[in-house]
């Protein structure tokens, strides 16, 4: 996750700790599940759904 980005299809805009940020899926790497759960805990349902759809498009289509 980063606070500076451009609007690419593989980047999801989110609010985290009252800051605008971006989940950068085009730079995804292997990380510990606990870090993912901790980050996803603060996201809205809408943000999580958009994140899931984008990951699906990247990996399946």
N, C-alpha and C. Protein backbone atom coordinates (compact mmCIF):
# COMPACT_ATOMS: atom_id res chain seq x y z
N UNK A 1 0.84 -1.17 0.00
CA UNK A 1 0.00 0.00 0.00
C UNK A 1 0.89 1.23 0.00
N UNK A 2 0.45 2.26 -0.71
CA UNK A 2 1.21 3.49 -0.81
C UNK A 2 0.28 4.69 -0.73
N UNK A 3 0.83 5.85 -0.46
CA UNK A 3 0.00 7.06 -0.37
C UNK A 3 0.06 7.89 -1.65
N UNK A 4 0.97 7.56 -2.55
CA UNK A 4 1.09 8.31 -3.81
C UNK A 4 1.01 7.34 -4.97
N UNK A 5 0.13 7.65 -5.92
CA UNK A 5 -0.03 6.77 -7.07
C UNK A 5 -0.80 7.48 -8.16
N UNK A 6 -0.87 6.83 -9.29
CA UNK A 6 -1.70 7.29 -10.39
C UNK A 6 -2.85 6.30 -10.54
N UNK A 7 -3.90 6.70 -11.22
CA UNK A 7 -5.06 5.83 -11.39
C UNK A 7 -4.81 4.82 -12.50
N UNK A 8 -4.31 3.67 -12.13
CA UNK A 8 -4.14 2.55 -13.05
C UNK A 8 -5.21 1.51 -12.70
N UNK A 9 -5.59 0.66 -13.65
CA UNK A 9 -6.61 -0.36 -13.37
C UNK A 9 -6.20 -1.35 -12.29
N UNK A 10 -4.91 -1.48 -12.05
CA UNK A 10 -4.42 -2.43 -11.05
C UNK A 10 -4.14 -1.78 -9.70
N UNK A 11 -4.63 -0.57 -9.51
CA UNK A 11 -4.44 0.13 -8.24
C UNK A 11 -5.79 0.54 -7.67
N UNK A 12 -6.01 0.16 -6.44
CA UNK A 12 -7.30 0.38 -5.78
C UNK A 12 -7.15 1.51 -4.77
N UNK A 13 -7.96 2.55 -4.92
CA UNK A 13 -7.93 3.67 -3.99
C UNK A 13 -8.71 3.30 -2.73
N UNK A 14 -8.11 3.53 -1.57
CA UNK A 14 -8.74 3.22 -0.29
C UNK A 14 -8.47 4.34 0.72
N UNK A 15 -9.26 4.35 1.77
CA UNK A 15 -8.99 5.23 2.91
C UNK A 15 -8.55 4.34 4.06
N UNK A 16 -7.40 4.67 4.65
CA UNK A 16 -6.86 3.89 5.76
C UNK A 16 -6.26 4.86 6.75
N UNK A 17 -6.66 4.76 8.00
CA UNK A 17 -6.22 5.68 9.06
C UNK A 17 -6.46 7.13 8.67
N UNK A 18 -7.63 7.39 8.10
CA UNK A 18 -8.04 8.72 7.65
C UNK A 18 -7.11 9.33 6.61
N UNK A 19 -6.43 8.48 5.85
CA UNK A 19 -5.57 8.94 4.77
C UNK A 19 -5.99 8.26 3.48
N UNK A 20 -5.84 8.98 2.38
CA UNK A 20 -6.10 8.40 1.07
C UNK A 20 -4.87 7.58 0.69
N UNK A 21 -5.08 6.35 0.27
CA UNK A 21 -3.98 5.49 -0.11
C UNK A 21 -4.35 4.61 -1.29
N UNK A 22 -3.41 3.82 -1.72
CA UNK A 22 -3.59 2.95 -2.88
C UNK A 22 -3.05 1.57 -2.56
N UNK A 23 -3.82 0.56 -2.92
CA UNK A 23 -3.31 -0.81 -2.89
C UNK A 23 -2.77 -1.06 -4.29
N UNK A 24 -1.49 -1.36 -4.37
CA UNK A 24 -0.80 -1.46 -5.66
C UNK A 24 -0.68 -2.94 -6.03
N UNK A 25 -1.64 -3.44 -6.81
CA UNK A 25 -1.67 -4.85 -7.16
C UNK A 25 -0.67 -5.24 -8.24
N UNK A 26 -0.21 -4.26 -9.02
CA UNK A 26 0.76 -4.59 -10.05
C UNK A 26 2.16 -4.77 -9.47
N UNK A 27 2.32 -4.54 -8.18
CA UNK A 27 3.60 -4.77 -7.52
C UNK A 27 3.43 -5.77 -6.37
N UNK A 28 2.46 -6.65 -6.53
CA UNK A 28 2.15 -7.61 -5.47
C UNK A 28 3.32 -8.57 -5.25
N UNK A 29 3.51 -8.97 -4.02
CA UNK A 29 4.58 -9.91 -3.67
C UNK A 29 4.08 -10.80 -2.54
N UNK A 30 4.87 -11.75 -2.20
CA UNK A 30 4.49 -12.65 -1.11
C UNK A 30 4.70 -11.95 0.22
N UNK A 31 3.62 -11.93 1.03
CA UNK A 31 3.72 -11.35 2.36
C UNK A 31 2.97 -12.24 3.34
N UNK A 32 3.19 -12.02 4.59
CA UNK A 32 2.57 -12.78 5.66
C UNK A 32 1.06 -12.53 5.69
N UNK A 33 0.26 -13.58 5.87
CA UNK A 33 -1.19 -13.46 5.91
C UNK A 33 -1.65 -12.48 7.00
N UNK A 34 -0.97 -12.45 8.11
CA UNK A 34 -1.36 -11.57 9.20
C UNK A 34 -1.30 -10.10 8.79
N UNK A 35 -0.34 -9.75 7.95
CA UNK A 35 -0.25 -8.37 7.45
C UNK A 35 -1.45 -8.05 6.55
N UNK A 36 -1.86 -9.02 5.76
CA UNK A 36 -3.02 -8.80 4.88
C UNK A 36 -4.28 -8.64 5.72
N UNK A 37 -4.48 -9.52 6.68
CA UNK A 37 -5.68 -9.45 7.52
C UNK A 37 -5.72 -8.12 8.28
N UNK A 38 -4.58 -7.68 8.76
CA UNK A 38 -4.52 -6.42 9.50
C UNK A 38 -4.92 -5.25 8.59
N UNK A 39 -4.42 -5.24 7.36
CA UNK A 39 -4.74 -4.17 6.42
C UNK A 39 -6.19 -4.24 5.97
N UNK A 40 -6.69 -5.44 5.68
CA UNK A 40 -8.08 -5.58 5.22
C UNK A 40 -9.08 -5.28 6.31
N UNK A 41 -8.67 -5.36 7.55
CA UNK A 41 -9.57 -5.10 8.66
C UNK A 41 -10.10 -3.66 8.63
N UNK A 42 -9.31 -2.73 8.09
CA UNK A 42 -9.72 -1.34 8.07
C UNK A 42 -10.40 -0.91 6.79
N UNK A 43 -10.62 -1.82 5.84
CA UNK A 43 -11.24 -1.46 4.57
C UNK A 43 -12.74 -1.64 4.62
N UNK A 44 -13.43 -0.89 3.77
CA UNK A 44 -14.88 -1.04 3.68
C UNK A 44 -15.21 -2.26 2.83
N UNK A 45 -16.44 -2.71 2.90
CA UNK A 45 -16.88 -3.85 2.10
C UNK A 45 -16.73 -3.54 0.62
N UNK A 46 -17.06 -2.32 0.22
CA UNK A 46 -16.94 -1.91 -1.18
C UNK A 46 -15.49 -1.98 -1.65
N UNK A 47 -14.56 -1.52 -0.82
CA UNK A 47 -13.13 -1.56 -1.16
C UNK A 47 -12.63 -3.00 -1.28
N UNK A 48 -13.08 -3.85 -0.38
CA UNK A 48 -12.66 -5.26 -0.41
C UNK A 48 -13.20 -5.94 -1.67
N UNK A 49 -14.44 -5.68 -2.03
CA UNK A 49 -15.02 -6.28 -3.23
C UNK A 49 -14.27 -5.82 -4.49
N UNK A 50 -13.96 -4.54 -4.56
CA UNK A 50 -13.21 -4.04 -5.71
C UNK A 50 -11.82 -4.68 -5.77
N UNK A 51 -11.19 -4.84 -4.63
CA UNK A 51 -9.89 -5.49 -4.54
C UNK A 51 -9.96 -6.93 -5.03
N UNK A 52 -10.97 -7.67 -4.58
CA UNK A 52 -11.14 -9.06 -5.00
C UNK A 52 -11.38 -9.18 -6.50
N UNK A 53 -12.22 -8.30 -7.04
CA UNK A 53 -12.50 -8.33 -8.48
C UNK A 53 -11.25 -8.04 -9.31
N UNK A 54 -10.46 -7.10 -8.86
CA UNK A 54 -9.24 -6.74 -9.59
C UNK A 54 -8.23 -7.87 -9.55
N UNK A 55 -8.08 -8.51 -8.40
CA UNK A 55 -7.15 -9.65 -8.28
C UNK A 55 -7.64 -10.78 -9.19
N UNK A 56 -8.94 -11.02 -9.20
CA UNK A 56 -9.49 -12.07 -10.07
C UNK A 56 -9.19 -11.78 -11.53
N UNK A 57 -9.38 -10.55 -11.95
CA UNK A 57 -9.09 -10.16 -13.34
C UNK A 57 -7.61 -10.35 -13.67
N UNK A 58 -6.75 -10.00 -12.73
CA UNK A 58 -5.30 -10.14 -12.95
C UNK A 58 -4.87 -11.59 -13.09
N UNK A 59 -5.44 -12.46 -12.27
CA UNK A 59 -4.96 -13.83 -12.19
C UNK A 59 -5.75 -14.82 -13.04
N UNK A 60 -7.01 -14.53 -13.34
CA UNK A 60 -7.85 -15.49 -14.03
C UNK A 60 -8.03 -15.14 -15.51
N UNK A 61 -8.32 -13.91 -15.81
CA UNK A 61 -8.63 -13.53 -17.19
C UNK A 61 -7.40 -13.36 -18.04
